[in-house]
PDB file of all heavy atoms in Angstrom:
ATOM      1  N   PHE A   1      -3.527   5.490  13.853  1.00  0.00           N
ATOM      2  CA  PHE A   1      -4.918   5.814  13.567  1.00  0.00           C
ATOM      3  C   PHE A   1      -5.912   4.718  13.955  1.00  0.00           C
ATOM      4  O   PHE A   1      -7.111   4.900  13.779  1.00  0.00           O
ATOM      5  CB  PHE A   1      -5.075   6.118  12.071  1.00  0.00           C
ATOM      6  CG  PHE A   1      -4.323   7.334  11.625  1.00  0.00           C
ATOM      7  CD1 PHE A   1      -3.145   7.204  10.902  1.00  0.00           C
ATOM      8  CD2 PHE A   1      -4.766   8.606  11.947  1.00  0.00           C
ATOM      9  CE1 PHE A   1      -2.437   8.324  10.485  1.00  0.00           C
ATOM     10  CE2 PHE A   1      -4.071   9.733  11.529  1.00  0.00           C
ATOM     11  CZ  PHE A   1      -2.893   9.591  10.803  1.00  0.00           C
ATOM     12  N   GLY A   2      -5.417   3.602  14.456  1.00  0.00           N
ATOM     13  CA  GLY A   2      -6.306   2.532  14.880  1.00  0.00           C
ATOM     14  C   GLY A   2      -6.154   1.291  14.026  1.00  0.00           C
ATOM     15  O   GLY A   2      -5.966   1.380  12.810  1.00  0.00           O
ATOM     16  N   GLU A   3      -6.250   0.139  14.654  1.00  0.00           N
ATOM     17  CA  GLU A   3      -6.009  -1.133  13.965  1.00  0.00           C
ATOM     18  C   GLU A   3      -7.022  -1.428  12.877  1.00  0.00           C
ATOM     19  O   GLU A   3      -6.748  -2.192  11.958  1.00  0.00           O
ATOM     20  CB  GLU A   3      -5.991  -2.285  14.988  1.00  0.00           C
ATOM     21  CG  GLU A   3      -4.744  -2.332  15.850  1.00  0.00           C
ATOM     22  CD  GLU A   3      -3.471  -2.465  15.027  1.00  0.00           C
ATOM     23  OE1 GLU A   3      -3.451  -3.298  14.094  1.00  0.00           O
ATOM     24  OE2 GLU A   3      -2.511  -1.732  15.302  1.00  0.00           O
ATOM     25  N   LYS A   4      -8.202  -0.826  12.955  1.00  0.00           N
ATOM     26  CA  LYS A   4      -9.232  -1.096  11.956  1.00  0.00           C
ATOM     27  C   LYS A   4      -9.181  -0.143  10.769  1.00  0.00           C
ATOM     28  O   LYS A   4      -9.983  -0.253   9.842  1.00  0.00           O
ATOM     29  CB  LYS A   4     -10.614  -1.040  12.605  1.00  0.00           C
ATOM     30  CG  LYS A   4     -10.852  -2.157  13.622  1.00  0.00           C
ATOM     31  CD  LYS A   4     -12.265  -2.123  14.163  1.00  0.00           C
ATOM     32  CE  LYS A   4     -12.507  -3.265  15.153  1.00  0.00           C
ATOM     33  NZ  LYS A   4     -13.893  -3.243  15.689  1.00  0.00           N
ATOM     34  N   ALA A   5      -8.248   0.782  10.781  1.00  0.00           N
ATOM     35  CA  ALA A   5      -8.147   1.738   9.687  1.00  0.00           C
ATOM     36  C   ALA A   5      -7.718   1.033   8.399  1.00  0.00           C
ATOM     37  O   ALA A   5      -6.867   0.141   8.409  1.00  0.00           O
ATOM     38  CB  ALA A   5      -7.149   2.835  10.042  1.00  0.00           C
ATOM     39  N   GLY A   6      -8.316   1.415   7.292  1.00  0.00           N
ATOM     40  CA  GLY A   6      -7.895   0.898   5.997  1.00  0.00           C
ATOM     41  C   GLY A   6      -6.745   1.737   5.468  1.00  0.00           C
ATOM     42  O   GLY A   6      -6.749   2.963   5.601  1.00  0.00           O
ATOM     43  N   VAL A   7      -5.757   1.077   4.887  1.00  0.00           N
ATOM     44  CA  VAL A   7      -4.562   1.783   4.416  1.00  0.00           C
ATOM     45  C   VAL A   7      -4.333   1.523   2.928  1.00  0.00           C
ATOM     46  O   VAL A   7      -4.386   0.384   2.473  1.00  0.00           O
ATOM     47  CB  VAL A   7      -3.308   1.356   5.219  1.00  0.00           C
ATOM     48  CG1 VAL A   7      -2.049   2.010   4.647  1.00  0.00           C
ATOM     49  CG2 VAL A   7      -3.464   1.723   6.692  1.00  0.00           C
ATOM     50  N   ILE A   8      -4.104   2.602   2.196  1.00  0.00           N
ATOM     51  CA  ILE A   8      -3.655   2.559   0.809  1.00  0.00           C
ATOM     52  C   ILE A   8      -2.309   3.279   0.782  1.00  0.00           C
ATOM     53  O   ILE A   8      -2.207   4.401   1.290  1.00  0.00           O
ATOM     54  CB  ILE A   8      -4.651   3.279  -0.130  1.00  0.00           C
ATOM     55  CG1 ILE A   8      -6.031   2.654  -0.023  1.00  0.00           C
ATOM     56  CG2 ILE A   8      -4.154   3.269  -1.560  1.00  0.00           C
ATOM     57  CD1 ILE A   8      -7.110   3.438  -0.790  1.00  0.00           C
ATOM     58  N   SER A   9      -1.288   2.666   0.206  1.00  0.00           N
ATOM     59  CA  SER A   9       0.035   3.285   0.303  1.00  0.00           C
ATOM     60  C   SER A   9       0.909   2.956  -0.896  1.00  0.00           C
ATOM     61  O   SER A   9       0.616   2.042  -1.672  1.00  0.00           O
ATOM     62  CB  SER A   9       0.737   2.830   1.590  1.00  0.00           C
ATOM     63  OG  SER A   9       0.945   1.429   1.586  1.00  0.00           O
ATOM     64  N   ILE A  10       1.988   3.718  -1.021  1.00  0.00           N
ATOM     65  CA  ILE A  10       3.032   3.395  -1.986  1.00  0.00           C
ATOM     66  C   ILE A  10       4.319   3.088  -1.237  1.00  0.00           C
ATOM     67  O   ILE A  10       4.540   3.566  -0.120  1.00  0.00           O
ATOM     68  CB  ILE A  10       3.279   4.527  -3.004  1.00  0.00           C
ATOM     69  CG1 ILE A  10       3.651   5.840  -2.303  1.00  0.00           C
ATOM     70  CG2 ILE A  10       2.072   4.708  -3.912  1.00  0.00           C
ATOM     71  CD1 ILE A  10       4.103   6.945  -3.251  1.00  0.00           C
ATOM     72  N   GLY A  11       5.172   2.283  -1.867  1.00  0.00           N
ATOM     73  CA  GLY A  11       6.474   1.982  -1.311  1.00  0.00           C
ATOM     74  C   GLY A  11       7.550   2.845  -1.948  1.00  0.00           C
ATOM     75  O   GLY A  11       7.251   3.819  -2.651  1.00  0.00           O
ATOM     76  N   PRO A  12       8.821   2.502  -1.729  1.00  0.00           N
ATOM     77  CA  PRO A  12       9.923   3.271  -2.307  1.00  0.00           C
ATOM     78  C   PRO A  12       9.854   3.402  -3.825  1.00  0.00           C
ATOM     79  O   PRO A  12      10.275   4.419  -4.389  1.00  0.00           O
ATOM     80  CB  PRO A  12      11.154   2.479  -1.870  1.00  0.00           C
ATOM     81  CG  PRO A  12      10.743   1.827  -0.589  1.00  0.00           C
ATOM     82  CD  PRO A  12       9.300   1.469  -0.788  1.00  0.00           C
ATOM     83  N   ALA A  13       9.329   2.392  -4.526  1.00  0.00           N
ATOM     84  CA  ALA A  13       9.248   2.477  -5.990  1.00  0.00           C
ATOM     85  C   ALA A  13       8.350   3.630  -6.423  1.00  0.00           C
ATOM     86  O   ALA A  13       8.663   4.357  -7.369  1.00  0.00           O
ATOM     87  CB  ALA A  13       8.735   1.160  -6.580  1.00  0.00           C
ATOM     88  N   GLY A  14       7.227   3.796  -5.724  1.00  0.00           N
ATOM     89  CA  GLY A  14       6.344   4.910  -6.030  1.00  0.00           C
ATOM     90  C   GLY A  14       6.953   6.248  -5.652  1.00  0.00           C
ATOM     91  O   GLY A  14       6.803   7.238  -6.367  1.00  0.00           O
ATOM     92  N   GLU A  15       7.638   6.282  -4.523  1.00  0.00           N
ATOM     93  CA  GLU A  15       8.315   7.513  -4.121  1.00  0.00           C
ATOM     94  C   GLU A  15       9.347   7.927  -5.169  1.00  0.00           C
ATOM     95  O   GLU A  15       9.540   9.121  -5.434  1.00  0.00           O
ATOM     96  CB  GLU A  15       9.003   7.318  -2.771  1.00  0.00           C
ATOM     97  CG  GLU A  15       8.047   7.139  -1.594  1.00  0.00           C
ATOM     98  CD  GLU A  15       8.805   6.958  -0.289  1.00  0.00           C
ATOM     99  OE1 GLU A  15       9.885   7.556  -0.134  1.00  0.00           O
ATOM    100  OE2 GLU A  15       8.318   6.186   0.575  1.00  0.00           O
ATOM    101  N   ASN A  16      10.010   6.941  -5.765  1.00  0.00           N
ATOM    102  CA  ASN A  16      11.024   7.213  -6.788  1.00  0.00           C
ATOM    103  C   ASN A  16      10.427   7.318  -8.185  1.00  0.00           C
ATOM    104  O   ASN A  16      11.162   7.410  -9.171  1.00  0.00           O
ATOM    105  CB  ASN A  16      12.100   6.130  -6.744  1.00  0.00           C
ATOM    106  CG  ASN A  16      12.984   6.256  -5.514  1.00  0.00           C
ATOM    107  OD1 ASN A  16      13.478   7.331  -5.206  1.00  0.00           O
ATOM    108  ND2 ASN A  16      13.169   5.156  -4.796  1.00  0.00           N
ATOM    109  N   LYS A  17       9.095   7.285  -8.268  1.00  0.00           N
ATOM    110  CA  LYS A  17       8.353   7.515  -9.512  1.00  0.00           C
ATOM    111  C   LYS A  17       8.751   6.543 -10.621  1.00  0.00           C
ATOM    112  O   LYS A  17       8.879   6.921 -11.787  1.00  0.00           O
ATOM    113  CB  LYS A  17       8.509   8.970  -9.969  1.00  0.00           C
ATOM    114  CG  LYS A  17       8.065   9.987  -8.904  1.00  0.00           C
ATOM    115  CD  LYS A  17       8.295  11.403  -9.374  1.00  0.00           C
ATOM    116  CE  LYS A  17       8.016  12.408  -8.268  1.00  0.00           C
ATOM    117  NZ  LYS A  17       8.950  12.299  -7.135  1.00  0.00           N
ATOM    118  N   MET A  18       8.933   5.275 -10.246  1.00  0.00           N
ATOM    119  CA  MET A  18       9.226   4.240 -11.230  1.00  0.00           C
ATOM    120  C   MET A  18       7.947   3.848 -11.960  1.00  0.00           C
ATOM    121  O   MET A  18       6.888   3.697 -11.348  1.00  0.00           O
ATOM    122  CB  MET A  18       9.847   3.026 -10.539  1.00  0.00           C
ATOM    123  CG  MET A  18      11.202   3.308  -9.936  1.00  0.00           C
ATOM    124  SD  MET A  18      11.892   1.858  -9.084  1.00  0.00           S
ATOM    125  CE  MET A  18      13.494   2.512  -8.561  1.00  0.00           C
ATOM    126  N   SER A  19       8.042   3.634 -13.265  1.00  0.00           N
ATOM    127  CA  SER A  19       6.847   3.369 -14.070  1.00  0.00           C
ATOM    128  C   SER A  19       6.210   2.019 -13.796  1.00  0.00           C
ATOM    129  O   SER A  19       5.090   1.761 -14.248  1.00  0.00           O
ATOM    130  CB  SER A  19       7.194   3.470 -15.556  1.00  0.00           C
ATOM    131  OG  SER A  19       7.551   4.792 -15.888  1.00  0.00           O
ATOM    132  N   ALA A  20       6.901   1.150 -13.071  1.00  0.00           N
ATOM    133  CA  ALA A  20       6.323  -0.137 -12.682  1.00  0.00           C
ATOM    134  C   ALA A  20       5.763  -0.099 -11.260  1.00  0.00           C
ATOM    135  O   ALA A  20       5.389  -1.136 -10.722  1.00  0.00           O
ATOM    136  CB  ALA A  20       7.375  -1.244 -12.791  1.00  0.00           C
ATOM    137  N   ALA A  21       5.677   1.087 -10.671  1.00  0.00           N
ATOM    138  CA  ALA A  21       5.241   1.200  -9.280  1.00  0.00           C
ATOM    139  C   ALA A  21       3.734   0.997  -9.146  1.00  0.00           C
ATOM    140  O   ALA A  21       2.947   1.483  -9.960  1.00  0.00           O
ATOM    141  CB  ALA A  21       5.633   2.549  -8.703  1.00  0.00           C
ATOM    142  N   SER A  22       3.347   0.288  -8.099  1.00  0.00           N
ATOM    143  CA  SER A  22       1.949  -0.016  -7.822  1.00  0.00           C
ATOM    144  C   SER A  22       1.472   0.742  -6.589  1.00  0.00           C
ATOM    145  O   SER A  22       2.255   1.383  -5.884  1.00  0.00           O
ATOM    146  CB  SER A  22       1.787  -1.521  -7.593  1.00  0.00           C
ATOM    147  OG  SER A  22       2.546  -1.920  -6.456  1.00  0.00           O
ATOM    148  N   ILE A  23       0.174   0.641  -6.333  1.00  0.00           N
ATOM    149  CA  ILE A  23      -0.435   1.176  -5.114  1.00  0.00           C
ATOM    150  C   ILE A  23      -0.955  -0.003  -4.306  1.00  0.00           C
ATOM    151  O   ILE A  23      -1.743  -0.807  -4.809  1.00  0.00           O
ATOM    152  CB  ILE A  23      -1.581   2.146  -5.446  1.00  0.00           C
ATOM    153  CG1 ILE A  23      -1.043   3.364  -6.196  1.00  0.00           C
ATOM    154  CG2 ILE A  23      -2.309   2.584  -4.173  1.00  0.00           C
ATOM    155  CD1 ILE A  23      -2.131   4.316  -6.687  1.00  0.00           C
ATOM    156  N   ALA A  24      -0.514  -0.122  -3.063  1.00  0.00           N
ATOM    157  CA  ALA A  24      -0.890  -1.242  -2.204  1.00  0.00           C
ATOM    158  C   ALA A  24      -2.153  -0.912  -1.416  1.00  0.00           C
ATOM    159  O   ALA A  24      -2.292   0.188  -0.879  1.00  0.00           O
ATOM    160  CB  ALA A  24       0.238  -1.578  -1.230  1.00  0.00           C
ATOM    161  N   VAL A  25      -3.055  -1.890  -1.360  1.00  0.00           N
ATOM    162  CA  VAL A  25      -4.276  -1.780  -0.562  1.00  0.00           C
ATOM    163  C   VAL A  25      -4.255  -2.917   0.456  1.00  0.00           C
ATOM    164  O   VAL A  25      -4.091  -4.084   0.089  1.00  0.00           O
ATOM    165  CB  VAL A  25      -5.539  -1.876  -1.440  1.00  0.00           C
ATOM    166  CG1 VAL A  25      -6.793  -1.712  -0.591  1.00  0.00           C
ATOM    167  CG2 VAL A  25      -5.498  -0.834  -2.553  1.00  0.00           C
ATOM    168  N   ALA A  26      -4.397  -2.584   1.718  1.00  0.00           N
ATOM    169  CA  ALA A  26      -4.301  -3.594   2.769  1.00  0.00           C
ATOM    170  C   ALA A  26      -5.495  -4.540   2.747  1.00  0.00           C
ATOM    171  O   ALA A  26      -6.625  -4.143   2.455  1.00  0.00           O
ATOM    172  CB  ALA A  26      -4.190  -2.920   4.133  1.00  0.00           C
ATOM    173  N   ASP A  27      -5.232  -5.812   3.091  1.00  0.00           N
ATOM    174  CA  ASP A  27      -6.309  -6.795   3.212  1.00  0.00           C
ATOM    175  C   ASP A  27      -6.845  -6.778   4.642  1.00  0.00           C
ATOM    176  O   ASP A  27      -6.524  -5.880   5.439  1.00  0.00           O
ATOM    177  CB  ASP A  27      -5.832  -8.184   2.775  1.00  0.00           C
ATOM    178  CG  ASP A  27      -4.765  -8.776   3.694  1.00  0.00           C
ATOM    179  OD1 ASP A  27      -4.436  -8.173   4.749  1.00  0.00           O
ATOM    180  OD2 ASP A  27      -4.237  -9.858   3.356  1.00  0.00           O
ATOM    181  N   MET A  28      -7.650  -7.765   4.992  1.00  0.00           N
ATOM    182  CA  MET A  28      -8.301  -7.771   6.305  1.00  0.00           C
ATOM    183  C   MET A  28      -7.314  -7.943   7.450  1.00  0.00           C
ATOM    184  O   MET A  28      -7.589  -7.537   8.577  1.00  0.00           O
ATOM    185  CB  MET A  28      -9.373  -8.864   6.347  1.00  0.00           C
ATOM    186  CG  MET A  28     -10.561  -8.576   5.460  1.00  0.00           C
ATOM    187  SD  MET A  28     -11.946  -9.727   5.724  1.00  0.00           S
ATOM    188  CE  MET A  28     -11.255 -11.243   5.070  1.00  0.00           C
ATOM    189  N   GLU A  29      -6.152  -8.537   7.156  1.00  0.00           N
ATOM    190  CA  GLU A  29      -5.124  -8.686   8.193  1.00  0.00           C
ATOM    191  C   GLU A  29      -4.163  -7.506   8.229  1.00  0.00           C
ATOM    192  O   GLU A  29      -3.226  -7.489   9.024  1.00  0.00           O
ATOM    193  CB  GLU A  29      -4.332  -9.978   7.959  1.00  0.00           C
ATOM    194  CG  GLU A  29      -5.080 -11.258   8.339  1.00  0.00           C
ATOM    195  CD  GLU A  29      -6.184 -11.593   7.354  1.00  0.00           C
ATOM    196  OE1 GLU A  29      -6.026 -11.303   6.148  1.00  0.00           O
ATOM    197  OE2 GLU A  29      -7.213 -12.126   7.782  1.00  0.00           O
ATOM    198  N   GLY A  30      -4.366  -6.547   7.348  1.00  0.00           N
ATOM    199  CA  GLY A  30      -3.481  -5.390   7.295  1.00  0.00           C
ATOM    200  C   GLY A  30      -2.269  -5.590   6.405  1.00  0.00           C
ATOM    201  O   GLY A  30      -1.408  -4.712   6.330  1.00  0.00           O
ATOM    202  N   HIS A  31      -2.184  -6.719   5.726  1.00  0.00           N
ATOM    203  CA  HIS A  31      -1.052  -6.954   4.835  1.00  0.00           C
ATOM    204  C   HIS A  31      -1.230  -6.161   3.539  1.00  0.00           C
ATOM    205  O   HIS A  31      -2.316  -6.190   2.945  1.00  0.00           O
ATOM    206  CB  HIS A  31      -0.922  -8.442   4.507  1.00  0.00           C
ATOM    207  CG  HIS A  31      -0.671  -9.301   5.705  1.00  0.00           C
ATOM    208  ND1 HIS A  31      -1.300 -10.520   5.897  1.00  0.00           N
ATOM    209  CD2 HIS A  31       0.133  -9.113   6.780  1.00  0.00           C
ATOM    210  CE1 HIS A  31      -0.877 -11.050   7.034  1.00  0.00           C
ATOM    211  NE2 HIS A  31      -0.022 -10.217   7.591  1.00  0.00           N
ATOM    212  N   PRO A  32      -0.184  -5.500   3.038  1.00  0.00           N
ATOM    213  CA  PRO A  32      -0.303  -4.672   1.829  1.00  0.00           C
ATOM    214  C   PRO A  32      -0.157  -5.501   0.564  1.00  0.00           C
ATOM    215  O   PRO A  32       0.757  -5.309  -0.246  1.00  0.00           O
ATOM    216  CB  PRO A  32       0.866  -3.692   1.983  1.00  0.00           C
ATOM    217  CG  PRO A  32       1.921  -4.510   2.682  1.00  0.00           C
ATOM    218  CD  PRO A  32       1.177  -5.418   3.637  1.00  0.00           C
ATOM    219  N   VAL A  33      -1.084  -6.430   0.358  1.00  0.00           N
ATOM    220  CA  VAL A  33      -0.897  -7.446  -0.683  1.00  0.00           C
ATOM    221  C   VAL A  33      -1.923  -7.367  -1.820  1.00  0.00           C
ATOM    222  O   VAL A  33      -1.854  -8.146  -2.770  1.00  0.00           O
ATOM    223  CB  VAL A  33      -0.932  -8.861  -0.069  1.00  0.00           C
ATOM    224  CG1 VAL A  33       0.247  -9.061   0.868  1.00  0.00           C
ATOM    225  CG2 VAL A  33      -2.240  -9.120   0.681  1.00  0.00           C
ATOM    226  N   ARG A  34      -2.858  -6.447  -1.731  1.00  0.00           N
ATOM    227  CA  ARG A  34      -3.801  -6.252  -2.835  1.00  0.00           C
ATOM    228  C   ARG A  34      -3.387  -4.974  -3.549  1.00  0.00           C
ATOM    229  O   ARG A  34      -3.345  -3.914  -2.924  1.00  0.00           O
ATOM    230  CB  ARG A  34      -5.236  -6.157  -2.341  1.00  0.00           C
ATOM    231  CG  ARG A  34      -5.647  -7.171  -1.306  1.00  0.00           C
ATOM    232  CD  ARG A  34      -5.294  -8.605  -1.636  1.00  0.00           C
ATOM    233  NE  ARG A  34      -5.758  -9.049  -2.937  1.00  0.00           N
ATOM    234  CZ  ARG A  34      -5.669 -10.303  -3.375  1.00  0.00           C
ATOM    235  NH1 ARG A  34      -5.105 -11.221  -2.615  1.00  0.00           N
ATOM    236  NH2 ARG A  34      -6.109 -10.627  -4.575  1.00  0.00           N
ATOM    237  N   HIS A  35      -3.061  -5.053  -4.813  1.00  0.00           N
ATOM    238  CA  HIS A  35      -2.439  -3.909  -5.491  1.00  0.00           C
ATOM    239  C   HIS A  35      -3.211  -3.441  -6.716  1.00  0.00           C
ATOM    240  O   HIS A  35      -3.701  -4.257  -7.508  1.00  0.00           O
ATOM    241  CB  HIS A  35      -1.019  -4.265  -5.931  1.00  0.00           C
ATOM    242  CG  HIS A  35      -0.046  -4.301  -4.803  1.00  0.00           C
ATOM    243  ND1 HIS A  35       0.979  -3.387  -4.647  1.00  0.00           N
ATOM    244  CD2 HIS A  35       0.057  -5.134  -3.734  1.00  0.00           C
ATOM    245  CE1 HIS A  35       1.657  -3.665  -3.551  1.00  0.00           C
ATOM    246  NE2 HIS A  35       1.114  -4.722  -2.984  1.00  0.00           N
TER     247      HIS A  35
END
């Protein structure tokens, strides 16, 4: 979708519906480190 697209995502923990699962929000470098 393009390098400038903002991404919000879940990992395997969210897919498996674990109660400690977070939602990742990408930073300016695209790293999924803001949750």
